[in-house]
Protein backbone atom coordinates (compact mmCIF):
# COMPACT_ATOMS: atom_id res chain seq x y z
CA MET A 1 -6.34 -15.08 -15.89
CA HIS A 2 -7.22 -11.39 -16.27
CA ARG A 3 -8.13 -9.65 -13.01
CA PHE A 4 -10.58 -6.80 -12.44
CA TYR A 5 -11.51 -4.76 -9.39
CA THR A 6 -14.94 -3.67 -8.25
CA PRO A 7 -16.04 -2.55 -4.75
CA PRO A 8 -18.20 -4.81 -2.53
CA ASP A 9 -21.40 -2.86 -3.24
CA SER A 10 -21.15 -3.91 -6.91
CA PHE A 11 -21.87 -7.52 -5.98
CA HIS A 12 -25.55 -8.51 -6.12
CA ASP A 13 -26.53 -12.14 -5.46
CA GLU A 14 -24.73 -14.10 -8.19
CA ARG A 15 -23.97 -11.05 -10.36
CA VAL A 16 -21.29 -8.40 -10.31
CA LEU A 17 -20.98 -5.13 -12.23
CA LEU A 18 -17.77 -3.53 -13.51
CA ASN A 19 -17.58 0.27 -13.73
CA ALA A 20 -16.90 2.25 -16.91
CA SER A 21 -13.11 2.23 -16.50
CA GLU A 22 -12.86 -1.51 -15.91
CA THR A 23 -15.36 -2.16 -18.72
CA ARG A 24 -13.26 -0.15 -21.17
CA HIS A 25 -10.21 -2.14 -20.16
CA LEU A 26 -12.07 -5.42 -20.60
CA ARG A 27 -13.65 -4.50 -23.94
CA ASP A 28 -11.22 -2.13 -25.67
CA VAL A 29 -7.80 -3.09 -24.30
CA LEU A 30 -8.06 -6.82 -23.67
CA ARG A 31 -10.69 -7.39 -26.37
CA LEU A 32 -12.66 -9.79 -24.18
CA GLY A 33 -16.27 -10.61 -24.99
CA VAL A 34 -19.32 -12.38 -23.63
CA GLY A 35 -18.41 -15.84 -22.41
CA SER A 36 -14.88 -14.90 -21.31
CA ASN A 37 -13.79 -16.05 -17.87
CA VAL A 38 -12.05 -13.51 -15.64
CA ASN A 39 -11.26 -13.01 -11.96
CA VAL A 40 -12.86 -10.15 -10.01
CA PHE A 41 -11.72 -9.00 -6.55
CA ASP A 42 -13.48 -6.65 -4.13
CA GLY A 43 -10.49 -4.95 -2.47
CA GLU A 44 -11.34 -6.51 0.90
CA GLY A 45 -9.66 -9.86 0.37
CA HIS A 46 -12.24 -11.74 -1.70
CA GLU A 47 -11.75 -12.91 -5.28
CA PHE A 48 -14.17 -14.65 -7.63
CA LEU A 49 -14.06 -16.54 -10.92
CA CYS A 50 -16.68 -14.95 -13.18
CA THR A 51 -18.05 -15.23 -16.70
CA VAL A 52 -18.84 -12.11 -18.75
CA THR A 53 -22.57 -12.12 -19.61
CA LEU A 54 -23.21 -8.58 -20.84
CA ILE A 55 -21.03 -5.71 -22.06
CA CYS A 56 -22.52 -2.22 -22.35
CA LYS A 57 -21.02 1.19 -23.01
CA ILE A 58 -20.61 2.20 -19.35
CA ASP A 59 -20.61 -1.11 -17.49
CA ALA A 60 -20.36 -4.88 -17.81
CA GLU A 61 -22.25 -7.64 -16.01
CA LEU A 62 -20.63 -10.87 -14.95
CA LEU A 63 -21.93 -14.11 -13.46
CA ILE A 64 -20.10 -15.34 -10.37
CA ILE A 65 -19.02 -18.97 -10.77
CA SER A 66 -17.07 -19.54 -7.56
CA GLU A 67 -14.90 -17.84 -4.95
CA GLN A 68 -11.19 -18.24 -5.54
CA PRO A 69 -8.23 -17.95 -3.18
CA PRO A 70 -6.17 -14.91 -4.24
CA SER A 71 -2.93 -15.87 -5.94
CA SER A 72 -1.05 -13.64 -3.50
CA PRO A 73 -2.12 -14.28 0.13
CA GLU A 74 -2.13 -11.48 2.68
CA SER A 75 0.71 -11.22 5.16
CA THR A 76 0.15 -12.26 8.75
CA LEU A 77 1.58 -8.84 9.70
CA ASP A 78 -0.66 -5.77 9.49
CA LEU A 79 2.04 -3.37 8.32
CA THR A 80 1.66 0.40 7.98
CA LEU A 81 4.45 2.24 6.16
CA ALA A 82 4.65 5.96 6.87
CA ALA A 83 7.05 7.38 4.29
CA THR A 84 8.08 10.97 3.61
CA MET A 85 6.88 12.19 0.22
CA LEU A 86 9.47 12.38 -2.55
CA LYS A 87 9.83 14.50 -5.66
CA GLY A 88 8.88 13.38 -9.16
CA ASP A 89 7.90 9.76 -9.65
CA LYS A 90 10.05 8.40 -6.82
CA PHE A 91 7.08 8.07 -4.50
CA ASP A 92 5.15 6.27 -7.27
CA LEU A 93 7.74 3.50 -6.99
CA VAL A 94 7.32 3.36 -3.21
CA VAL A 95 3.55 2.97 -3.65
CA GLN A 96 3.88 0.19 -6.21
CA LYS A 97 6.48 -1.83 -4.31
CA SER A 98 4.65 -1.39 -0.99
CA VAL A 99 1.66 -3.18 -2.52
CA GLU A 100 3.88 -5.97 -3.82
CA LEU A 101 5.50 -6.36 -0.38
CA GLY A 102 2.16 -6.73 1.41
CA VAL A 103 1.90 -3.32 3.12
CA ASN A 104 -1.69 -2.68 4.24
CA HIS A 105 -1.55 1.09 4.70
CA LEU A 106 0.80 3.67 3.19
CA VAL A 107 0.83 7.11 4.81
CA ALA A 108 2.38 10.02 2.89
CA LEU A 109 4.31 12.10 5.44
CA ASN A 110 5.28 15.76 5.35
CA THR A 111 8.48 16.22 7.36
CA ILE A 112 10.76 19.20 7.95
CA ARG A 113 13.14 18.28 5.12
CA CYS A 114 10.43 17.04 2.76
CA ASP A 115 10.87 18.75 -0.63
CA VAL A 116 7.30 18.21 -1.88
CA LYS A 117 4.82 21.03 -1.36
CA ILE A 118 1.59 20.12 0.44
CA LYS A 119 -0.51 21.84 -2.23
CA GLU A 120 1.14 19.69 -4.88
CA SER A 121 0.88 16.46 -2.90
CA THR A 122 -2.88 16.66 -2.33
CA THR A 123 -3.40 16.40 -6.09
CA ARG A 124 -1.15 13.33 -6.24
CA ILE A 125 -3.08 11.19 -3.73
CA ASP A 126 -5.56 10.04 -6.38
CA ARG A 127 -2.66 9.11 -8.64
CA TRP A 128 -1.03 7.06 -5.88
CA ARG A 129 -4.32 5.26 -5.22
CA LYS A 130 -4.61 4.36 -8.90
CA ILE A 131 -1.04 3.03 -8.84
CA ALA A 132 -1.91 0.97 -5.75
CA LEU A 133 -4.93 -0.49 -7.56
CA GLU A 134 -2.92 -1.43 -10.65
CA ALA A 135 -0.20 -2.96 -8.46
CA ALA A 136 -2.82 -5.05 -6.63
CA LYS A 137 -4.12 -6.35 -9.96
CA GLN A 138 -0.64 -7.27 -11.17
CA SER A 139 0.64 -8.74 -7.91
CA GLY A 140 -2.40 -10.94 -7.24
CA ARG A 141 -3.52 -9.26 -4.02
CA ALA A 142 -7.27 -9.14 -3.41
CA ARG A 143 -7.02 -6.48 -0.70
CA LEU A 144 -6.37 -2.88 -1.70
CA MET A 145 -3.60 -1.07 0.14
CA LYS A 146 -4.95 2.08 1.77
CA VAL A 147 -3.13 5.29 0.77
CA SER A 148 -3.64 8.35 2.97
CA GLY A 149 -2.14 11.74 3.63
CA PRO A 150 -0.41 14.01 3.29
CA VAL A 151 -0.05 14.39 7.05
CA ALA A 152 2.45 16.44 9.04
CA PHE A 153 4.92 14.36 11.06
CA ASP A 154 3.88 15.82 14.42
CA LYS A 155 0.20 15.18 13.67
CA PHE A 156 1.04 11.62 12.65
CA LEU A 157 2.82 11.01 15.96
CA GLN A 158 -0.18 12.35 17.86
CA GLY A 159 -2.43 9.91 16.02
CA LEU A 160 -0.47 6.83 17.07
CA SER A 161 -2.06 4.82 19.86
CA GLN A 162 -0.10 4.26 23.06
CA ASP A 163 0.12 0.49 22.59
CA GLU A 164 1.02 0.60 18.88
CA ASP A 165 4.36 -0.90 17.86
CA ALA A 166 6.07 1.85 15.86
CA ILE A 167 9.65 1.96 14.58
CA LEU A 168 11.35 5.00 13.09
CA PHE A 169 14.26 4.26 10.78
CA ALA A 170 17.07 6.82 10.81
CA GLU A 171 20.55 7.09 9.38
CA ARG A 172 21.94 7.86 12.83
CA GLU A 173 21.31 7.61 16.59
CA GLY A 174 19.41 4.34 16.33
CA ASP A 175 19.69 0.80 17.67
CA ARG A 176 19.62 -2.50 15.83
CA LEU A 177 16.27 -3.94 14.79
CA SER A 178 15.06 -6.11 17.64
CA GLN A 179 13.97 -9.71 17.16
CA ASP A 180 11.34 -9.30 19.88
CA PHE A 181 7.86 -8.75 18.51
CA ASP A 182 4.81 -10.84 19.36
CA GLY A 183 2.05 -8.65 17.93
CA HIS A 184 0.39 -8.60 14.53
CA LYS A 185 0.38 -4.85 13.80
CA MET A 186 3.38 -2.60 13.19
CA THR A 187 4.11 0.88 11.86
CA ALA A 188 7.40 1.67 10.12
CA ILE A 189 8.36 5.32 9.66
CA VAL A 190 10.83 6.41 6.96
CA GLY A 191 12.34 9.85 6.52
CA PRO A 192 13.18 12.16 3.61
CA GLU A 193 16.24 12.25 1.36
CA GLY A 194 17.87 14.87 3.59
CA GLY A 195 17.38 12.77 6.71
CA TRP A 196 15.49 13.52 9.90
CA ASP A 197 15.79 16.83 11.70
CA ASP A 198 17.09 16.59 15.28
CA SER A 199 13.78 17.92 16.61
CA GLU A 200 11.88 15.13 14.84
CA LEU A 201 14.09 12.44 16.36
CA ALA A 202 13.53 14.03 19.77
CA ASP A 203 9.76 14.08 19.21
CA ALA A 204 9.82 10.41 18.21
CA ARG A 205 11.70 9.47 21.39
CA SER A 206 9.26 11.49 23.49
CA ALA A 207 6.42 9.55 21.88
CA GLY A 208 8.08 6.26 22.91
CA ILE A 209 8.97 5.22 19.36
CA ASN A 210 11.97 2.95 18.83
CA ILE A 211 14.63 4.45 16.55
CA VAL A 212 16.46 1.92 14.40
CA THR A 213 19.48 2.23 12.11
CA LEU A 214 20.17 -0.50 9.54
CA GLY A 215 23.94 -0.60 9.65
CA GLY A 216 26.02 1.94 7.74
CA ARG A 217 24.65 1.37 4.25
CA ILE A 218 23.57 4.57 2.51
CA MET A 219 20.41 4.32 0.39
CA ARG A 220 18.24 6.68 -1.59
CA ALA A 221 15.01 7.49 0.25
CA GLU A 222 12.83 5.42 -2.09
CA THR A 223 15.22 2.47 -1.81
CA ALA A 224 15.19 2.74 1.99
CA ALA A 225 11.37 2.66 2.15
CA ILE A 226 11.18 -0.43 -0.06
CA ALA A 227 14.06 -2.20 1.69
CA ILE A 228 12.60 -1.52 5.13
CA ALA A 229 9.21 -2.95 4.13
CA ALA A 230 10.98 -6.07 2.83
CA VAL A 231 13.13 -6.46 5.95
CA ILE A 232 10.13 -6.15 8.27
CA GLN A 233 8.04 -8.62 6.26
CA HIS A 234 10.97 -11.04 6.34
CA ARG A 235 11.56 -10.61 10.06
CA PHE A 236 7.98 -10.44 11.30
CA GLY A 237 5.69 -11.20 8.35
CA ASP A 238 5.40 -13.89 5.68
CA ILE A 239 8.49 -13.33 3.51
CA ASN A 240 10.85 -16.07 4.61
């Protein structure tokens, strides 16, 4: 079943409208016409079986038949992944796989050893959000992963609440990942390719953040971010 996204304000009674981009995809790429059945999700966890009733140049109208359970349920863990930005398309991969692994919020971090310029990264946020949308369509999620940033590491630490469970993953000076966690919300923080600066590790400790090292295995930064999301979902979420 083909899946399309439209925000909640596009739903009106038993009808729903697709925007110009989604309409082009429906009409010109998939070659679907009036009478075709498709699924439409609102990005907030709801998905509907719909029938196409009208296709125009800039939008399409669909009739809602019934609400459907998303093919990919949301994790019981509300996971935020704060990952240092990476050069080229490496961060694109982190965005895509974070959606597939059930991350709810991805924060693009600017750290001391980050090799992406802030001016460049602000233009890439829209691209990352589009990647997140396409990944949600393909993976069956009905909730859109939020993508925010770029934010400086010290500002990010200041924005964490006192009672928030946050873990910083480092290649050194960390403990093993604890089995003890009885909450439903967690933040995982991942560093750059060059590793964390000593001052950043000190700031994290001062903020009361647990520092964890996953054994002695050496990974690329994008691999580490993806692996950490998978490990946390396995340990505390719904991947088991």
